[in-house]
PDB file of N, CA and C in Angstrom:
ATOM      1  N   MET A   1     -14.088   7.243   6.296  1.00  0.00           N
ATOM      2  CA  MET A   1     -12.898   6.970   5.516  1.00  0.00           C
ATOM      3  C   MET A   1     -11.902   8.105   5.711  1.00  0.00           C
ATOM      4  N   PRO A   2     -10.603   7.786   5.669  1.00  0.00           N
ATOM      5  CA  PRO A   2      -9.594   8.834   5.761  1.00  0.00           C
ATOM      6  C   PRO A   2      -9.681   9.755   4.539  1.00  0.00           C
ATOM      7  N   VAL A   3      -9.376  11.021   4.744  1.00  0.00           N
ATOM      8  CA  VAL A   3      -9.393  11.989   3.655  1.00  0.00           C
ATOM      9  C   VAL A   3      -8.036  12.662   3.559  1.00  0.00           C
ATOM     10  N   PRO A   4      -7.669  13.153   2.363  1.00  0.00           N
ATOM     11  CA  PRO A   4      -6.395  13.853   2.212  1.00  0.00           C
ATOM     12  C   PRO A   4      -6.305  15.020   3.193  1.00  0.00           C
ATOM     13  N   GLY A   5      -5.145  15.193   3.775  1.00  0.00           N
ATOM     14  CA  GLY A   5      -4.946  16.278   4.724  1.00  0.00           C
ATOM     15  C   GLY A   5      -5.296  15.891   6.148  1.00  0.00           C
ATOM     16  N   GLY A   6      -5.749  14.664   6.357  1.00  0.00           N
ATOM     17  CA  GLY A   6      -6.081  14.177   7.686  1.00  0.00           C
ATOM     18  C   GLY A   6      -7.566  14.207   7.964  1.00  0.00           C
ATOM     19  N   GLY A   7      -7.964  13.507   8.966  1.00  0.00           N
ATOM     20  CA  GLY A   7      -9.365  13.447   9.342  1.00  0.00           C
ATOM     21  C   GLY A   7     -10.102  12.327   8.635  1.00  0.00           C
ATOM     22  N   PHE A   8     -11.401  12.286   8.886  1.00  0.00           N
ATOM     23  CA  PHE A   8     -12.242  11.236   8.320  1.00  0.00           C
ATOM     24  C   PHE A   8     -13.554  11.823   7.830  1.00  0.00           C
ATOM     25  N   ASN A   9     -14.108  11.226   6.815  1.00  0.00           N
ATOM     26  CA  ASN A   9     -15.444  11.549   6.311  1.00  0.00           C
ATOM     27  C   ASN A   9     -16.319  10.317   6.420  1.00  0.00           C
ATOM     28  N   HIS A  10     -17.581  10.519   6.676  1.00  0.00           N
ATOM     29  CA  HIS A  10     -18.534   9.416   6.629  1.00  0.00           C
ATOM     30  C   HIS A  10     -18.783   9.144   5.150  1.00  0.00           C
ATOM     31  N   ALA A  11     -18.207   8.063   4.628  1.00  0.00           N
ATOM     32  CA  ALA A  11     -18.270   7.804   3.195  1.00  0.00           C
ATOM     33  C   ALA A  11     -18.364   6.303   2.940  1.00  0.00           C
ATOM     34  N   TYR A  12     -18.707   5.968   1.728  1.00  0.00           N
ATOM     35  CA  TYR A  12     -18.858   4.576   1.325  1.00  0.00           C
ATOM     36  C   TYR A  12     -18.124   4.332   0.020  1.00  0.00           C
ATOM     37  N   ASN A  13     -17.841   3.074  -0.246  1.00  0.00           N
ATOM     38  CA  ASN A  13     -17.153   2.653  -1.455  1.00  0.00           C
ATOM     39  C   ASN A  13     -18.103   1.695  -2.182  1.00  0.00           C
ATOM     40  N   ALA A  14     -18.571   2.072  -3.347  1.00  0.00           N
ATOM     41  CA  ALA A  14     -19.524   1.256  -4.102  1.00  0.00           C
ATOM     42  C   ALA A  14     -18.824   0.495  -5.218  1.00  0.00           C
ATOM     43  N   GLN A  15     -19.244  -0.743  -5.418  1.00  0.00           N
ATOM     44  CA  GLN A  15     -18.737  -1.591  -6.494  1.00  0.00           C
ATOM     45  C   GLN A  15     -19.928  -2.082  -7.301  1.00  0.00           C
ATOM     46  N   ALA A  16     -19.731  -2.230  -8.591  1.00  0.00           N
ATOM     47  CA  ALA A  16     -20.806  -2.738  -9.451  1.00  0.00           C
ATOM     48  C   ALA A  16     -20.236  -3.752 -10.435  1.00  0.00           C
ATOM     49  N   ALA A  17     -21.015  -4.785 -10.719  1.00  0.00           N
ATOM     50  CA  ALA A  17     -20.699  -5.739 -11.778  1.00  0.00           C
ATOM     51  C   ALA A  17     -21.661  -5.443 -12.919  1.00  0.00           C
ATOM     52  N   VAL A  18     -21.101  -5.228 -14.103  1.00  0.00           N
ATOM     53  CA  VAL A  18     -21.895  -4.803 -15.254  1.00  0.00           C
ATOM     54  C   VAL A  18     -21.663  -5.757 -16.420  1.00  0.00           C
ATOM     55  N   ASP A  19     -22.745  -6.163 -17.063  1.00  0.00           N
ATOM     56  CA  ASP A  19     -22.645  -6.934 -18.295  1.00  0.00           C
ATOM     57  C   ASP A  19     -22.176  -5.976 -19.386  1.00  0.00           C
ATOM     58  N   THR A  20     -21.006  -6.251 -19.971  1.00  0.00           N
ATOM     59  CA  THR A  20     -20.441  -5.310 -20.941  1.00  0.00           C
ATOM     60  C   THR A  20     -21.213  -5.261 -22.248  1.00  0.00           C
ATOM     61  N   GLY A  21     -21.967  -6.301 -22.564  1.00  0.00           N
ATOM     62  CA  GLY A  21     -22.758  -6.289 -23.796  1.00  0.00           C
ATOM     63  C   GLY A  21     -23.980  -5.393 -23.701  1.00  0.00           C
ATOM     64  N   SER A  22     -24.698  -5.507 -22.598  1.00  0.00           N
ATOM     65  CA  SER A  22     -25.939  -4.749 -22.446  1.00  0.00           C
ATOM     66  C   SER A  22     -25.788  -3.515 -21.557  1.00  0.00           C
ATOM     67  N   MET A  23     -24.660  -3.425 -20.838  1.00  0.00           N
ATOM     68  CA  MET A  23     -24.405  -2.354 -19.864  1.00  0.00           C
ATOM     69  C   MET A  23     -25.382  -2.422 -18.689  1.00  0.00           C
ATOM     70  N   LEU A  24     -25.950  -3.585 -18.457  1.00  0.00           N
ATOM     71  CA  LEU A  24     -26.883  -3.812 -17.358  1.00  0.00           C
ATOM     72  C   LEU A  24     -26.096  -4.117 -16.089  1.00  0.00           C
ATOM     73  N   VAL A  25     -26.402  -3.407 -14.999  1.00  0.00           N
ATOM     74  CA  VAL A  25     -25.792  -3.694 -13.703  1.00  0.00           C
ATOM     75  C   VAL A  25     -26.428  -4.972 -13.180  1.00  0.00           C
ATOM     76  N   VAL A  26     -25.621  -6.005 -12.964  1.00  0.00           N
ATOM     77  CA  VAL A  26     -26.159  -7.285 -12.519  1.00  0.00           C
ATOM     78  C   VAL A  26     -25.914  -7.550 -11.040  1.00  0.00           C
ATOM     79  N   SER A  27     -25.025  -6.799 -10.425  1.00  0.00           N
ATOM     80  CA  SER A  27     -24.778  -6.953  -8.999  1.00  0.00           C
ATOM     81  C   SER A  27     -24.085  -5.694  -8.491  1.00  0.00           C
ATOM     82  N   LEU A  28     -24.346  -5.359  -7.236  1.00  0.00           N
ATOM     83  CA  LEU A  28     -23.665  -4.209  -6.649  1.00  0.00           C
ATOM     84  C   LEU A  28     -23.498  -4.421  -5.161  1.00  0.00           C
ATOM     85  N   THR A  29     -22.555  -3.688  -4.598  1.00  0.00           N
ATOM     86  CA  THR A  29     -22.302  -3.746  -3.165  1.00  0.00           C
ATOM     87  C   THR A  29     -21.757  -2.400  -2.706  1.00  0.00           C
ATOM     88  N   VAL A  30     -21.969  -2.111  -1.453  1.00  0.00           N
ATOM     89  CA  VAL A  30     -21.460  -0.879  -0.846  1.00  0.00           C
ATOM     90  C   VAL A  30     -20.752  -1.265   0.448  1.00  0.00           C
ATOM     91  N   THR A  31     -19.529  -0.780   0.608  1.00  0.00           N
ATOM     92  CA  THR A  31     -18.750  -1.080   1.808  1.00  0.00           C
ATOM     93  C   THR A  31     -18.215   0.215   2.410  1.00  0.00           C
ATOM     94  N   GLN A  32     -17.606   0.089   3.563  1.00  0.00           N
ATOM     95  CA  GLN A  32     -16.899   1.207   4.168  1.00  0.00           C
ATOM     96  C   GLN A  32     -15.395   1.020   4.047  1.00  0.00           C
ATOM     97  N   ALA A  33     -14.977   0.085   3.182  1.00  0.00           N
ATOM     98  CA  ALA A  33     -13.555  -0.136   2.933  1.00  0.00           C
ATOM     99  C   ALA A  33     -12.965   1.111   2.280  1.00  0.00           C
ATOM    100  N   CYS A  34     -11.754   1.448   2.667  1.00  0.00           N
ATOM    101  CA  CYS A  34     -11.116   2.670   2.161  1.00  0.00           C
ATOM    102  C   CYS A  34     -10.689   2.580   0.711  1.00  0.00           C
ATOM    103  N   ASN A  35     -10.480   1.366   0.205  1.00  0.00           N
ATOM    104  CA  ASN A  35     -10.059   1.223  -1.184  1.00  0.00           C
ATOM    105  C   ASN A  35     -10.714  -0.012  -1.785  1.00  0.00           C
ATOM    106  N   ASP A  36     -10.354  -0.308  -3.014  1.00  0.00           N
ATOM    107  CA  ASP A  36     -10.984  -1.400  -3.747  1.00  0.00           C
ATOM    108  C   ASP A  36     -10.351  -2.760  -3.486  1.00  0.00           C
ATOM    109  N   LYS A  37      -9.222  -2.785  -2.788  1.00  0.00           N
ATOM    110  CA  LYS A  37      -8.571  -4.055  -2.506  1.00  0.00           C
ATOM    111  C   LYS A  37      -9.529  -4.965  -1.751  1.00  0.00           C
ATOM    112  N   GLU A  38      -9.458  -6.223  -2.048  1.00  0.00           N
ATOM    113  CA  GLU A  38     -10.278  -7.256  -1.419  1.00  0.00           C
ATOM    114  C   GLU A  38     -11.765  -7.155  -1.766  1.00  0.00           C
ATOM    115  N   GLN A  39     -12.094  -6.500  -2.869  1.00  0.00           N
ATOM    116  CA  GLN A  39     -13.498  -6.378  -3.265  1.00  0.00           C
ATOM    117  C   GLN A  39     -13.872  -7.273  -4.437  1.00  0.00           C
ATOM    118  N   VAL A  40     -12.890  -7.822  -5.152  1.00  0.00           N
ATOM    119  CA  VAL A  40     -13.188  -8.638  -6.332  1.00  0.00           C
ATOM    120  C   VAL A  40     -13.798  -9.983  -5.951  1.00  0.00           C
ATOM    121  N   VAL A  41     -13.178 -10.685  -5.027  1.00  0.00           N
ATOM    122  CA  VAL A  41     -13.675 -12.016  -4.667  1.00  0.00           C
ATOM    123  C   VAL A  41     -15.097 -11.950  -4.108  1.00  0.00           C
ATOM    124  N   PRO A  42     -15.418 -11.028  -3.188  1.00  0.00           N
ATOM    125  CA  PRO A  42     -16.813 -10.955  -2.733  1.00  0.00           C
ATOM    126  C   PRO A  42     -17.802 -10.677  -3.869  1.00  0.00           C
ATOM    127  N   MET A  43     -17.400  -9.853  -4.839  1.00  0.00           N
ATOM    128  CA  MET A  43     -18.293  -9.580  -5.967  1.00  0.00           C
ATOM    129  C   MET A  43     -18.493 -10.837  -6.808  1.00  0.00           C
ATOM    130  N   LEU A  44     -17.430 -11.594  -7.040  1.00  0.00           N
ATOM    131  CA  LEU A  44     -17.567 -12.837  -7.794  1.00  0.00           C
ATOM    132  C   LEU A  44     -18.455 -13.833  -7.055  1.00  0.00           C
ATOM    133  N   GLU A  45     -18.392 -13.838  -5.728  1.00  0.00           N
ATOM    134  CA  GLU A  45     -19.266 -14.708  -4.951  1.00  0.00           C
ATOM    135  C   GLU A  45     -20.730 -14.280  -5.114  1.00  0.00           C
ATOM    136  N   GLN A  46     -20.973 -12.976  -5.164  1.00  0.00           N
ATOM    137  CA  GLN A  46     -22.339 -12.491  -5.409  1.00  0.00           C
ATOM    138  C   GLN A  46     -22.811 -12.908  -6.796  1.00  0.00           C
ATOM    139  N   LEU A  47     -21.939 -12.806  -7.781  1.00  0.00           N
ATOM    140  CA  LEU A  47     -22.308 -13.197  -9.142  1.00  0.00           C
ATOM    141  C   LEU A  47     -22.618 -14.683  -9.216  1.00  0.00           C
ATOM    142  N   ALA A  48     -21.855 -15.488  -8.494  1.00  0.00           N
ATOM    143  CA  ALA A  48     -22.082 -16.931  -8.501  1.00  0.00           C
ATOM    144  C   ALA A  48     -23.437 -17.288  -7.898  1.00  0.00           C
ATOM    145  N   ALA A  49     -23.955 -16.419  -7.039  1.00  0.00           N
ATOM    146  CA  ALA A  49     -25.242 -16.676  -6.382  1.00  0.00           C
ATOM    147  C   ALA A  49     -26.444 -16.238  -7.223  1.00  0.00           C
ATOM    148  N   LEU A  50     -26.205 -15.592  -8.348  1.00  0.00           N
ATOM    149  CA  LEU A  50     -27.301 -15.158  -9.212  1.00  0.00           C
ATOM    150  C   LEU A  50     -27.965 -16.367  -9.875  1.00  0.00           C
ATOM    151  N   PRO A  51     -29.196 -16.232 -10.336  1.00  0.00           N
ATOM    152  CA  PRO A  51     -29.874 -17.357 -11.003  1.00  0.00           C
ATOM    153  C   PRO A  51     -29.078 -17.877 -12.198  1.00  0.00           C
ATOM    154  N   ALA A  52     -29.082 -19.175 -12.361  1.00  0.00           N
ATOM    155  CA  ALA A  52     -28.331 -19.815 -13.445  1.00  0.00           C
ATOM    156  C   ALA A  52     -28.757 -19.298 -14.812  1.00  0.00           C
ATOM    157  N   SER A  53     -29.994 -18.866 -14.943  1.00  0.00           N
ATOM    158  CA  SER A  53     -30.487 -18.377 -16.232  1.00  0.00           C
ATOM    159  C   SER A  53     -29.745 -17.129 -16.703  1.00  0.00           C
ATOM    160  N   LEU A  54     -29.090 -16.427 -15.788  1.00  0.00           N
ATOM    161  CA  LEU A  54     -28.316 -15.249 -16.176  1.00  0.00           C
ATOM    162  C   LEU A  54     -26.928 -15.606 -16.682  1.00  0.00           C
ATOM    163  N   GLY A  55     -26.506 -16.836 -16.487  1.00  0.00           N
ATOM    164  CA  GLY A  55     -25.180 -17.260 -16.912  1.00  0.00           C
ATOM    165  C   GLY A  55     -24.131 -16.879 -15.883  1.00  0.00           C
ATOM    166  N   GLN A  56     -22.896 -17.220 -16.172  1.00  0.00           N
ATOM    167  CA  GLN A  56     -21.775 -16.908 -15.295  1.00  0.00           C
ATOM    168  C   GLN A  56     -20.756 -16.069 -16.046  1.00  0.00           C
ATOM    169  N   PRO A  57     -19.989 -15.251 -15.327  1.00  0.00           N
ATOM    170  CA  PRO A  57     -18.985 -14.410 -15.985  1.00  0.00           C
ATOM    171  C   PRO A  57     -17.943 -15.260 -16.715  1.00  0.00           C
ATOM    172  N   LYS A  58     -17.530 -14.767 -17.864  1.00  0.00           N
ATOM    173  CA  LYS A  58     -16.481 -15.430 -18.637  1.00  0.00           C
ATOM    174  C   LYS A  58     -15.194 -14.630 -18.606  1.00  0.00           C
ATOM    175  N   GLU A  59     -15.307 -13.337 -18.338  1.00  0.00           N
ATOM    176  CA  GLU A  59     -14.139 -12.465 -18.271  1.00  0.00           C
ATOM    177  C   GLU A  59     -14.310 -11.486 -17.119  1.00  0.00           C
ATOM    178  N   LEU A  60     -13.183 -11.022 -16.626  1.00  0.00           N
ATOM    179  CA  LEU A  60     -13.182 -10.030 -15.562  1.00  0.00           C
ATOM    180  C   LEU A  60     -12.383  -8.825 -16.032  1.00  0.00           C
ATOM    181  N   LEU A  61     -13.004  -7.670 -16.003  1.00  0.00           N
ATOM    182  CA  LEU A  61     -12.320  -6.423 -16.312  1.00  0.00           C
ATOM    183  C   LEU A  61     -12.263  -5.602 -15.034  1.00  0.00           C
ATOM    184  N   ALA A  62     -11.059  -5.341 -14.551  1.00  0.00           N
ATOM    185  CA  ALA A  62     -10.889  -4.566 -13.318  1.00  0.00           C
ATOM    186  C   ALA A  62      -9.539  -3.882 -13.370  1.00  0.00           C
ATOM    187  N   ASP A  63      -9.454  -2.679 -12.796  1.00  0.00           N
ATOM    188  CA  ASP A  63      -8.154  -2.025 -12.763  1.00  0.00           C
ATOM    189  C   ASP A  63      -7.288  -2.665 -11.679  1.00  0.00           C
ATOM    190  N   THR A  64      -6.002  -2.353 -11.705  1.00  0.00           N
ATOM    191  CA  THR A  64      -5.068  -3.002 -10.786  1.00  0.00           C
ATOM    192  C   THR A  64      -5.296  -2.618  -9.330  1.00  0.00           C
ATOM    193  N   GLY A  65      -6.056  -1.577  -9.048  1.00  0.00           N
ATOM    194  CA  GLY A  65      -6.360  -1.217  -7.675  1.00  0.00           C
ATOM    195  C   GLY A  65      -7.194  -2.268  -6.970  1.00  0.00           C
ATOM    196  N   PHE A  66      -7.859  -3.119  -7.730  1.00  0.00           N
ATOM    197  CA  PHE A  66      -8.686  -4.163  -7.143  1.00  0.00           C
ATOM    198  C   PHE A  66      -7.877  -5.383  -6.725  1.00  0.00           C
ATOM    199  N   LEU A  67      -6.791  -5.632  -7.408  1.00  0.00           N
ATOM    200  CA  LEU A  67      -6.088  -6.891  -7.214  1.00  0.00           C
ATOM    201  C   LEU A  67      -4.784  -6.733  -6.452  1.00  0.00           C
ATOM    202  N   GLN A  68      -4.684  -7.435  -5.382  1.00  0.00           N
ATOM    203  CA  GLN A  68      -3.424  -7.577  -4.688  1.00  0.00           C
ATOM    204  C   GLN A  68      -3.085  -9.054  -4.727  1.00  0.00           C
ATOM    205  N   ARG A  69      -1.897  -9.411  -4.329  1.00  0.00           N
ATOM    206  CA  ARG A  69      -1.437 -10.796  -4.473  1.00  0.00           C
ATOM    207  C   ARG A  69      -2.408 -11.800  -3.844  1.00  0.00           C
ATOM    208  N   GLN A  70      -2.881 -11.522  -2.643  1.00  0.00           N
ATOM    209  CA  GLN A  70      -3.800 -12.432  -1.961  1.00  0.00           C
ATOM    210  C   GLN A  70      -5.097 -12.608  -2.748  1.00  0.00           C
ATOM    211  N   GLU A  71      -5.616 -11.537  -3.310  1.00  0.00           N
ATOM    212  CA  GLU A  71      -6.845 -11.617  -4.117  1.00  0.00           C
ATOM    213  C   GLU A  71      -6.613 -12.469  -5.360  1.00  0.00           C
ATOM    214  N   ARG A  72      -5.490 -12.266  -6.035  1.00  0.00           N
ATOM    215  CA  ARG A  72      -5.208 -13.043  -7.253  1.00  0.00           C
ATOM    216  C   ARG A  72      -5.171 -14.530  -6.942  1.00  0.00           C
ATOM    217  N   ARG A  73      -4.559 -14.893  -5.820  1.00  0.00           N
ATOM    218  CA  ARG A  73      -4.505 -16.318  -5.450  1.00  0.00           C
ATOM    219  C   ARG A  73      -5.910 -16.871  -5.260  1.00  0.00           C
ATOM    220  N   GLY A  74      -6.777 -16.101  -4.607  1.00  0.00           N
ATOM    221  CA  GLY A  74      -8.156 -16.539  -4.419  1.00  0.00           C
ATOM    222  C   GLY A  74      -8.886 -16.683  -5.745  1.00  0.00           C
ATOM    223  N   LEU A  75      -8.591 -15.795  -6.674  1.00  0.00           N
ATOM    224  CA  LEU A  75      -9.235 -15.859  -7.988  1.00  0.00           C
ATOM    225  C   LEU A  75      -8.765 -17.069  -8.776  1.00  0.00           C
ATOM    226  N   TRP A  76      -7.481 -17.348  -8.742  1.00  0.00           N
ATOM    227  CA  TRP A  76      -6.975 -18.514  -9.489  1.00  0.00           C
ATOM    228  C   TRP A  76      -7.609 -19.773  -8.930  1.00  0.00           C
ATOM    229  N   ARG A  77      -7.731 -19.855  -7.615  1.00  0.00           N
ATOM    230  CA  ARG A  77      -8.330 -21.049  -7.017  1.00  0.00           C
ATOM    231  C   ARG A  77      -9.782 -21.214  -7.452  1.00  0.00           C
ATOM    232  N   ARG A  78     -10.475 -20.130  -7.649  1.00  0.00           N
ATOM    233  CA  ARG A  78     -11.877 -20.205  -8.057  1.00  0.00           C
ATOM    234  C   ARG A  78     -12.003 -20.331  -9.581  1.00  0.00           C
ATOM    235  N   ALA A  79     -10.897 -20.268 -10.293  1.00  0.00           N
ATOM    236  CA  ALA A  79     -10.894 -20.342 -11.753  1.00  0.00           C
ATOM    237  C   ALA A  79     -11.858 -19.312 -12.335  1.00  0.00           C
ATOM    238  N   ALA A  80     -11.800 -18.098 -11.789  1.00  0.00           N
ATOM    239  CA  ALA A  80     -12.733 -17.055 -12.204  1.00  0.00           C
ATOM    240  C   ALA A  80     -12.158 -16.164 -13.305  1.00  0.00           C
ATOM    241  N   LEU A  81     -10.871 -16.233 -13.562  1.00  0.00           N
ATOM    242  CA  LEU A  81     -10.276 -15.368 -14.559  1.00  0.00           C
ATOM    243  C   LEU A  81      -9.985 -16.111 -15.849  1.00  0.00           C
ATOM    244  N   THR A  82      -9.994 -15.394 -16.935  1.00  0.00           N
ATOM    245  CA  THR A  82      -9.641 -16.003 -18.211  1.00  0.00           C
ATOM    246  C   THR A  82      -8.121 -16.051 -18.345  1.00  0.00           C
ATOM    247  N   ARG A  83      -7.644 -16.816 -19.278  1.00  0.00           N
ATOM    248  CA  ARG A  83      -6.202 -16.925 -19.487  1.00  0.00           C
ATOM    249  C   ARG A  83      -5.573 -15.582 -19.860  1.00  0.00           C
ATOM    250  N   SER A  84      -6.337 -14.711 -20.475  1.00  0.00           N
ATOM    251  CA  SER A  84      -5.793 -13.426 -20.892  1.00  0.00           C
ATOM    252  C   SER A  84      -5.368 -12.554 -19.709  1.00  0.00           C
ATOM    253  N   LEU A  85      -5.894 -12.826 -18.532  1.00  0.00           N
ATOM    254  CA  LEU A  85      -5.516 -12.045 -17.362  1.00  0.00           C
ATOM    255  C   LEU A  85      -4.312 -12.610 -16.640  1.00  0.00           C
ATOM    256  N   ARG A  86      -3.890 -13.786 -16.987  1.00  0.00           N
ATOM    257  CA  ARG A  86      -2.715 -14.389 -16.344  1.00  0.00           C
ATOM    258  C   ARG A  86      -1.511 -13.767 -16.948  1.00  0.00           C
TER     259      ARG A  86
END
């Protein structure tokens, strides 16, 4: 990954999906992407693949670094966000 001042470091970017009630990590991923953009939809796809007994997400909490216009369009199409995020 690029580092301040130039050059590159061998580094990774980790993402986690956490149940806010229990604080249990229910899904995680590690990429070599330089930032969080384009990481929300893949995480939601991982959550959708979890056993039905765990339920499905009802809300998404993420900072704005995760969402760019293209990601938001993908999320609306999947109906993954609550009305409060619109």
